[in-house]
N, C-alpha and C. Protein backbone atom coordinates (compact mmCIF):
# COMPACT_ATOMS: atom_id res chain seq x y z
N GLN A 1 7.74 18.21 0.00
CA GLN A 1 6.70 17.47 -0.25
C GLN A 1 6.33 16.53 -1.35
N VAL A 2 5.52 15.17 -1.24
CA VAL A 2 6.05 13.64 -2.52
C VAL A 2 4.47 13.85 -2.64
N GLN A 3 4.90 13.83 -4.19
CA GLN A 3 4.25 13.04 -4.92
C GLN A 3 3.66 11.62 -4.99
N LEU A 4 2.47 10.58 -4.91
CA LEU A 4 2.71 9.72 -5.01
C LEU A 4 1.73 8.81 -6.08
N VAL A 5 2.24 7.71 -7.29
CA VAL A 5 1.66 7.69 -7.90
C VAL A 5 1.52 5.92 -8.27
N GLU A 6 0.10 5.22 -7.35
CA GLU A 6 0.17 3.69 -7.85
C GLU A 6 0.09 3.29 -8.60
N SER A 7 -0.08 2.15 -9.69
CA SER A 7 0.10 1.27 -10.17
C SER A 7 -0.13 -0.31 -10.45
N GLY A 8 0.25 -1.34 -11.06
CA GLY A 8 -0.07 -2.31 -11.15
C GLY A 8 -1.64 -2.75 -10.75
N GLY A 9 -3.09 -2.43 -10.32
CA GLY A 9 -3.84 -2.75 -10.64
C GLY A 9 -4.96 -3.36 -11.43
N GLY A 10 -5.53 -4.41 -11.35
CA GLY A 10 -6.40 -5.15 -12.50
C GLY A 10 -6.91 -6.37 -11.75
N LEU A 11 -7.36 -7.09 -12.63
CA LEU A 11 -8.73 -7.93 -12.80
C LEU A 11 -8.29 -8.72 -12.75
N VAL A 12 -8.03 -9.75 -11.79
CA VAL A 12 -8.16 -11.00 -11.70
C VAL A 12 -8.99 -11.62 -10.95
N THR A 13 -8.49 -13.01 -11.28
CA THR A 13 -9.54 -14.40 -10.35
C THR A 13 -8.97 -14.94 -9.43
N ALA A 14 -10.15 -14.75 -8.16
CA ALA A 14 -9.56 -15.60 -7.26
C ALA A 14 -8.59 -16.86 -6.96
N GLY A 15 -7.11 -16.22 -6.53
CA GLY A 15 -6.13 -17.57 -5.99
C GLY A 15 -4.78 -17.13 -7.30
N GLY A 16 -6.08 -15.87 -7.40
CA GLY A 16 -4.61 -15.36 -8.66
C GLY A 16 -3.12 -13.83 -7.50
N SER A 17 -2.36 -13.27 -8.49
CA SER A 17 -1.92 -12.26 -7.35
C SER A 17 -1.69 -10.83 -8.40
N LEU A 18 -0.82 -10.11 -7.76
CA LEU A 18 -0.73 -8.93 -7.92
C LEU A 18 0.31 -8.33 -7.73
N ARG A 19 1.15 -7.68 -7.87
CA ARG A 19 2.28 -6.27 -7.66
C ARG A 19 1.67 -4.64 -7.29
N LEU A 20 1.78 -4.70 -6.74
CA LEU A 20 0.70 -3.04 -6.79
C LEU A 20 2.50 -2.21 -6.04
N SER A 21 2.12 -0.88 -7.27
CA SER A 21 3.60 -0.49 -7.28
C SER A 21 3.22 1.06 -6.56
N CYS A 22 4.36 1.89 -5.54
CA CYS A 22 3.69 3.54 -5.44
C CYS A 22 4.70 3.94 -5.63
N THR A 23 5.19 4.59 -6.66
CA THR A 23 5.91 5.70 -7.08
C THR A 23 6.09 7.01 -6.56
N ALA A 24 7.44 6.93 -5.69
CA ALA A 24 7.92 8.95 -4.87
C ALA A 24 7.98 9.77 -6.33
N SER A 25 7.43 11.12 -5.86
CA SER A 25 8.66 12.25 -6.74
C SER A 25 9.48 12.33 -5.39
N GLY A 26 10.93 13.22 -5.62
CA GLY A 26 10.65 13.82 -3.76
C GLY A 26 12.38 13.40 -4.17
N ARG A 27 12.97 13.59 -3.30
CA ARG A 27 14.57 14.13 -3.24
C ARG A 27 14.37 13.07 -1.78
N THR A 28 12.74 13.19 -1.16
CA THR A 28 13.39 12.85 0.63
C THR A 28 12.24 11.87 0.47
N PHE A 29 11.96 11.30 0.03
CA PHE A 29 11.35 9.76 0.11
C PHE A 29 11.39 8.42 0.59
N ASN A 30 13.09 7.91 0.80
CA ASN A 30 13.05 7.70 1.90
C ASN A 30 13.04 8.25 3.68
N SER A 31 12.95 8.90 3.91
CA SER A 31 12.81 10.01 4.80
C SER A 31 10.93 9.35 5.06
N TYR A 32 10.03 8.69 5.11
CA TYR A 32 8.68 7.81 4.88
C TYR A 32 8.52 6.79 5.49
N THR A 33 7.57 6.94 6.22
CA THR A 33 7.44 5.57 5.98
C THR A 33 5.97 5.71 4.88
N ILE A 34 5.11 4.62 4.54
CA ILE A 34 4.96 4.00 3.66
C ILE A 34 3.31 2.69 3.39
N GLY A 35 2.37 3.53 3.55
CA GLY A 35 1.35 2.15 4.09
C GLY A 35 0.57 2.62 2.63
N TRP A 36 -0.21 0.80 2.18
CA TRP A 36 -1.21 0.69 1.43
C TRP A 36 -2.23 0.97 2.04
N PHE A 37 -3.34 1.35 1.82
CA PHE A 37 -5.11 1.61 2.02
C PHE A 37 -6.06 0.55 1.24
N ARG A 38 -7.13 0.23 1.24
CA ARG A 38 -7.68 0.47 0.80
C ARG A 38 -8.82 1.03 0.99
N GLN A 39 -9.72 0.33 -0.47
CA GLN A 39 -11.54 1.46 -0.09
C GLN A 39 -12.30 0.30 -0.88
N ALA A 40 -13.15 -0.55 -1.05
CA ALA A 40 -13.91 -1.09 -1.47
C ALA A 40 -15.10 0.17 -1.32
N PRO A 41 -16.71 -0.64 -2.50
CA PRO A 41 -17.63 -0.35 -1.99
C PRO A 41 -18.41 0.42 -0.76
N GLY A 42 -18.65 1.30 -1.13
CA GLY A 42 -20.14 1.59 0.69
C GLY A 42 -19.23 1.53 1.45
N LYS A 43 -18.03 0.90 1.59
CA LYS A 43 -17.36 0.84 3.16
C LYS A 43 -15.85 1.76 3.05
N GLU A 44 -16.21 2.33 4.64
CA GLU A 44 -14.73 3.17 4.93
C GLU A 44 -13.62 2.78 3.98
N ARG A 45 -12.14 3.31 4.14
CA ARG A 45 -11.16 3.12 3.61
C ARG A 45 -10.54 2.70 5.25
N GLU A 46 -9.36 1.32 4.68
CA GLU A 46 -8.97 0.83 5.71
C GLU A 46 -7.63 0.41 5.58
N PHE A 47 -7.06 0.30 6.21
CA PHE A 47 -5.38 0.65 6.56
C PHE A 47 -4.96 -1.79 5.95
N VAL A 48 -4.08 -1.92 5.18
CA VAL A 48 -3.64 -2.84 4.68
C VAL A 48 -2.52 -3.48 5.00
N ALA A 49 -1.61 -2.41 5.08
CA ALA A 49 0.05 -2.88 5.45
C ALA A 49 0.77 -1.96 5.28
N GLY A 50 1.47 -1.81 6.05
CA GLY A 50 2.47 -0.25 6.59
C GLY A 50 4.03 -0.76 6.57
N ILE A 51 5.34 0.24 6.06
CA ILE A 51 6.93 -0.26 5.66
C ILE A 51 7.44 0.90 6.26
N ASN A 52 8.17 1.34 7.56
CA ASN A 52 8.97 1.78 7.54
C ASN A 52 9.87 2.48 6.76
N TRP A 53 10.52 4.54 6.86
CA TRP A 53 11.31 3.70 6.24
C TRP A 53 12.80 3.55 5.49
N ILE A 54 13.70 2.70 6.46
CA ILE A 54 14.26 1.94 5.85
C ILE A 54 13.96 0.23 5.24
N GLY A 55 13.44 0.31 6.04
CA GLY A 55 12.24 -1.05 5.09
C GLY A 55 12.69 -2.24 5.87
N ARG A 56 13.06 -2.65 7.97
CA ARG A 56 13.10 -3.31 8.45
C ARG A 56 11.72 -3.51 9.70
N SER A 57 10.62 -2.51 9.37
CA SER A 57 9.37 -2.89 10.35
C SER A 57 8.17 -2.51 9.01
N THR A 58 7.81 -3.81 9.36
CA THR A 58 6.16 -3.59 8.55
C THR A 58 4.98 -4.19 9.36
N TYR A 59 3.94 -4.05 9.02
CA TYR A 59 2.94 -4.20 9.65
C TYR A 59 1.74 -4.57 8.40
N TYR A 60 0.82 -5.77 9.04
CA TYR A 60 -0.22 -6.49 8.08
C TYR A 60 -1.32 -5.78 8.81
N THR A 61 -2.50 -5.94 8.06
CA THR A 61 -3.58 -6.13 8.53
C THR A 61 -4.38 -7.23 8.95
N ASP A 62 -4.85 -8.09 10.02
CA ASP A 62 -5.48 -9.84 10.03
C ASP A 62 -5.11 -9.82 9.50
N SER A 63 -6.34 -9.84 7.70
CA SER A 63 -6.76 -10.25 7.29
C SER A 63 -6.05 -10.41 5.76
N VAL A 64 -4.79 -10.13 5.83
CA VAL A 64 -4.03 -10.26 4.68
C VAL A 64 -2.49 -10.69 4.97
N LYS A 65 -2.48 -10.95 6.39
CA LYS A 65 -1.32 -11.69 7.11
C LYS A 65 -1.02 -13.01 6.36
N GLY A 66 0.37 -13.57 5.84
CA GLY A 66 0.35 -14.58 5.19
C GLY A 66 0.31 -14.74 3.68
N ARG A 67 -0.31 -13.29 3.25
CA ARG A 67 -0.69 -13.70 1.60
C ARG A 67 -0.12 -12.30 1.56
N PHE A 68 -0.54 -11.14 2.24
CA PHE A 68 0.56 -10.03 0.90
C PHE A 68 1.67 -9.54 1.48
N THR A 69 2.50 -8.53 0.68
CA THR A 69 4.01 -8.71 1.03
C THR A 69 3.91 -7.19 1.30
N ILE A 70 4.94 -6.58 1.99
CA ILE A 70 4.93 -4.68 1.61
C ILE A 70 6.63 -5.31 0.83
N SER A 71 7.13 -4.06 0.22
CA SER A 71 8.62 -4.27 0.34
C SER A 71 8.45 -2.83 -0.26
N ARG A 72 10.66 -2.01 0.03
CA ARG A 72 10.48 -0.87 -0.49
C ARG A 72 11.83 -0.88 -1.27
N ASP A 73 12.05 -0.17 -2.63
CA ASP A 73 13.47 0.15 -3.16
C ASP A 73 13.33 1.57 -2.31
N ASN A 74 14.38 1.68 -1.96
CA ASN A 74 14.37 3.81 -1.85
C ASN A 74 15.15 3.97 -3.40
N ALA A 75 16.12 3.00 -3.62
CA ALA A 75 17.26 3.93 -4.67
C ALA A 75 16.64 4.18 -5.83
N LYS A 76 14.89 3.66 -5.89
CA LYS A 76 14.06 3.95 -7.13
C LYS A 76 12.19 4.68 -6.31
N ASN A 77 12.56 5.14 -5.01
CA ASN A 77 11.21 5.91 -4.59
C ASN A 77 10.03 5.11 -4.94
N THR A 78 10.61 3.84 -4.25
CA THR A 78 8.53 2.93 -4.82
C THR A 78 8.77 1.66 -3.70
N VAL A 79 8.01 1.57 -3.53
CA VAL A 79 7.17 0.68 -2.73
C VAL A 79 6.25 -0.69 -3.17
N TYR A 80 6.15 -1.41 -2.86
CA TYR A 80 5.57 -2.63 -3.71
C TYR A 80 5.11 -3.35 -2.04
N LEU A 81 3.87 -3.18 -2.90
CA LEU A 81 3.04 -4.28 -2.48
C LEU A 81 2.68 -5.79 -3.17
N GLN A 82 3.20 -6.48 -2.84
CA GLN A 82 2.30 -8.09 -3.20
C GLN A 82 1.63 -8.68 -2.91
N MET A 83 0.64 -9.14 -3.86
CA MET A 83 -0.19 -9.79 -3.57
C MET A 83 -0.59 -11.30 -4.02
N ASN A 84 -0.65 -12.02 -3.09
CA ASN A 84 -1.09 -13.53 -3.08
C ASN A 84 -2.31 -14.01 -3.17
N SER A 85 -2.64 -15.32 -3.77
CA SER A 85 -3.48 -15.51 -3.32
C SER A 85 -4.99 -14.71 -2.77
N LEU A 86 -5.19 -14.23 -3.72
CA LEU A 86 -6.49 -12.53 -3.53
C LEU A 86 -7.20 -13.33 -3.88
N LYS A 87 -8.57 -12.71 -2.80
CA LYS A 87 -9.38 -13.18 -2.64
C LYS A 87 -11.03 -12.02 -3.31
N PRO A 88 -12.15 -12.87 -3.82
CA PRO A 88 -12.97 -11.74 -4.30
C PRO A 88 -12.78 -10.50 -2.45
N GLU A 89 -13.08 -10.33 -1.85
CA GLU A 89 -12.85 -9.37 -0.54
C GLU A 89 -12.47 -8.19 -0.69
N ASP A 90 -11.30 -8.86 -1.58
CA ASP A 90 -9.96 -8.54 -1.67
C ASP A 90 -9.77 -6.89 -2.33
N THR A 91 -10.90 -6.76 -3.40
CA THR A 91 -11.25 -5.81 -4.08
C THR A 91 -11.76 -4.52 -3.86
N ALA A 92 -11.01 -3.60 -3.90
CA ALA A 92 -11.39 -2.11 -3.68
C ALA A 92 -10.08 -1.03 -4.86
N VAL A 93 -10.26 0.22 -4.55
CA VAL A 93 -9.29 0.89 -4.43
C VAL A 93 -8.07 0.90 -3.79
N TYR A 94 -7.01 0.60 -4.45
CA TYR A 94 -5.62 0.85 -3.38
C TYR A 94 -4.88 1.54 -3.53
N TYR A 95 -5.47 2.19 -1.73
CA TYR A 95 -3.82 4.06 -2.06
C TYR A 95 -2.48 4.08 -2.16
N CYS A 96 -1.53 4.35 -1.80
CA CYS A 96 -0.67 4.68 -1.04
C CYS A 96 -0.51 6.24 -0.30
N ALA A 97 -0.11 5.80 0.69
CA ALA A 97 0.14 6.89 1.54
C ALA A 97 1.06 7.07 2.18
N ALA A 98 2.28 8.51 2.57
CA ALA A 98 2.98 8.83 2.92
C ALA A 98 3.12 9.25 4.34
N ASP A 99 3.70 9.14 5.58
CA ASP A 99 3.34 9.56 7.01
C ASP A 99 5.08 10.63 6.95
N GLN A 100 5.17 11.45 7.41
CA GLN A 100 6.46 12.05 7.55
C GLN A 100 6.57 12.54 8.86
N GLN A 101 5.71 11.95 9.85
CA GLN A 101 6.54 12.45 11.27
C GLN A 101 6.82 10.84 11.80
N ARG A 102 6.51 10.32 11.08
CA ARG A 102 7.38 9.12 12.30
C ARG A 102 8.09 7.86 11.12
N PRO A 103 9.52 8.69 10.54
CA PRO A 103 9.35 7.27 9.72
C PRO A 103 9.74 5.61 9.90
N ALA A 104 10.22 5.70 11.58
CA ALA A 104 11.03 4.86 11.69
C ALA A 104 9.65 3.68 12.36
N ALA A 105 8.23 4.11 12.04
CA ALA A 105 7.14 3.15 12.93
C ALA A 105 6.18 3.55 12.10
N VAL A 106 5.20 2.61 12.06
CA VAL A 106 4.35 1.96 11.62
C VAL A 106 2.83 2.53 11.79
N VAL A 107 2.43 3.39 11.56
CA VAL A 107 0.58 3.46 12.10
C VAL A 107 0.14 3.36 10.92
N THR A 108 -1.40 2.92 11.76
CA THR A 108 -2.48 2.55 10.54
C THR A 108 -3.62 3.14 10.38
N ALA A 109 -3.55 4.66 11.23
CA ALA A 109 -4.67 5.53 11.27
C ALA A 109 -4.88 6.61 9.78
N LEU A 110 -5.08 6.74 9.34
CA LEU A 110 -5.82 7.63 7.68
C LEU A 110 -4.76 8.62 8.07
N SER A 111 -5.63 9.40 9.51
CA SER A 111 -5.05 10.71 9.43
C SER A 111 -3.74 11.03 10.03
N GLU A 112 -2.71 9.95 10.60
CA GLU A 112 -1.82 10.75 10.63
C GLU A 112 -1.06 10.32 9.19
N TYR A 113 -1.37 10.02 7.72
CA TYR A 113 -0.91 10.06 6.36
C TYR A 113 -0.66 11.20 5.97
N ASP A 114 -0.13 12.29 5.11
CA ASP A 114 0.41 12.98 5.09
C ASP A 114 -0.17 13.88 3.59
N TYR A 115 1.11 12.54 2.98
CA TYR A 115 0.42 12.74 1.64
C TYR A 115 -0.41 11.58 0.74
N TRP A 116 -1.41 11.24 0.08
CA TRP A 116 -1.98 9.77 -0.61
C TRP A 116 -1.63 10.26 -2.78
N GLY A 117 -1.49 8.85 -3.09
CA GLY A 117 -1.74 8.74 -3.91
C GLY A 117 -3.64 8.75 -4.69
N GLN A 118 -3.67 8.58 -5.90
CA GLN A 118 -4.88 8.96 -6.77
C GLN A 118 -5.44 7.50 -6.43
N GLY A 119 -5.16 6.54 -6.48
CA GLY A 119 -5.28 4.97 -6.50
C GLY A 119 -5.33 4.04 -7.44
N THR A 120 -5.89 3.23 -7.44
CA THR A 120 -5.52 1.70 -8.16
C THR A 120 -6.47 0.66 -8.00
N GLN A 121 -7.32 0.43 -9.29
CA GLN A 121 -8.86 -0.57 -8.86
C GLN A 121 -8.33 -1.88 -8.98
N VAL A 122 -8.53 -2.96 -7.84
CA VAL A 122 -7.83 -4.26 -8.07
C VAL A 122 -9.75 -4.62 -7.82
N THR A 123 -9.20 -5.92 -8.68
CA THR A 123 -10.71 -6.56 -8.99
C THR A 123 -10.75 -8.00 -9.21
N VAL A 124 -11.11 -8.69 -8.08
CA VAL A 124 -11.21 -10.67 -7.95
C VAL A 124 -11.66 -10.44 -8.46
N SER A 125 -12.68 -12.30 -9.11
CA SER A 125 -13.92 -12.93 -9.62
C SER A 125 -13.55 -13.60 -9.20
N SER A 126 -14.47 -14.38 -8.63
CA SER A 126 -15.11 -15.80 -7.84
C SER A 126 -15.25 -16.72 -8.92
């Protein structure tokens, strides 16, 4: 089992940047695919980006391509989401999640992820 803790959220003006971190407990962190999801008020939780166990496979939803970058440091049990050129529509609670079934692949469905963090708020003002 793994426990995930997100950090790095906050308030930023449009065009600004934030870096989110997802830190995991447990010795098997490097065997999980990690995904970032977000949920805006009144909307369903959606996939944002994912990275496989070794960091060689990444996937992004279309709305963040070219602006967000996901990376991981398995020695630090941490996955990062660098968010640049932020827009007001990026405002949401951001969650990281771990998929233990498919370490080599990145899947986008929420139901495929086994462990979730508590979320961190990102607010982008116009």
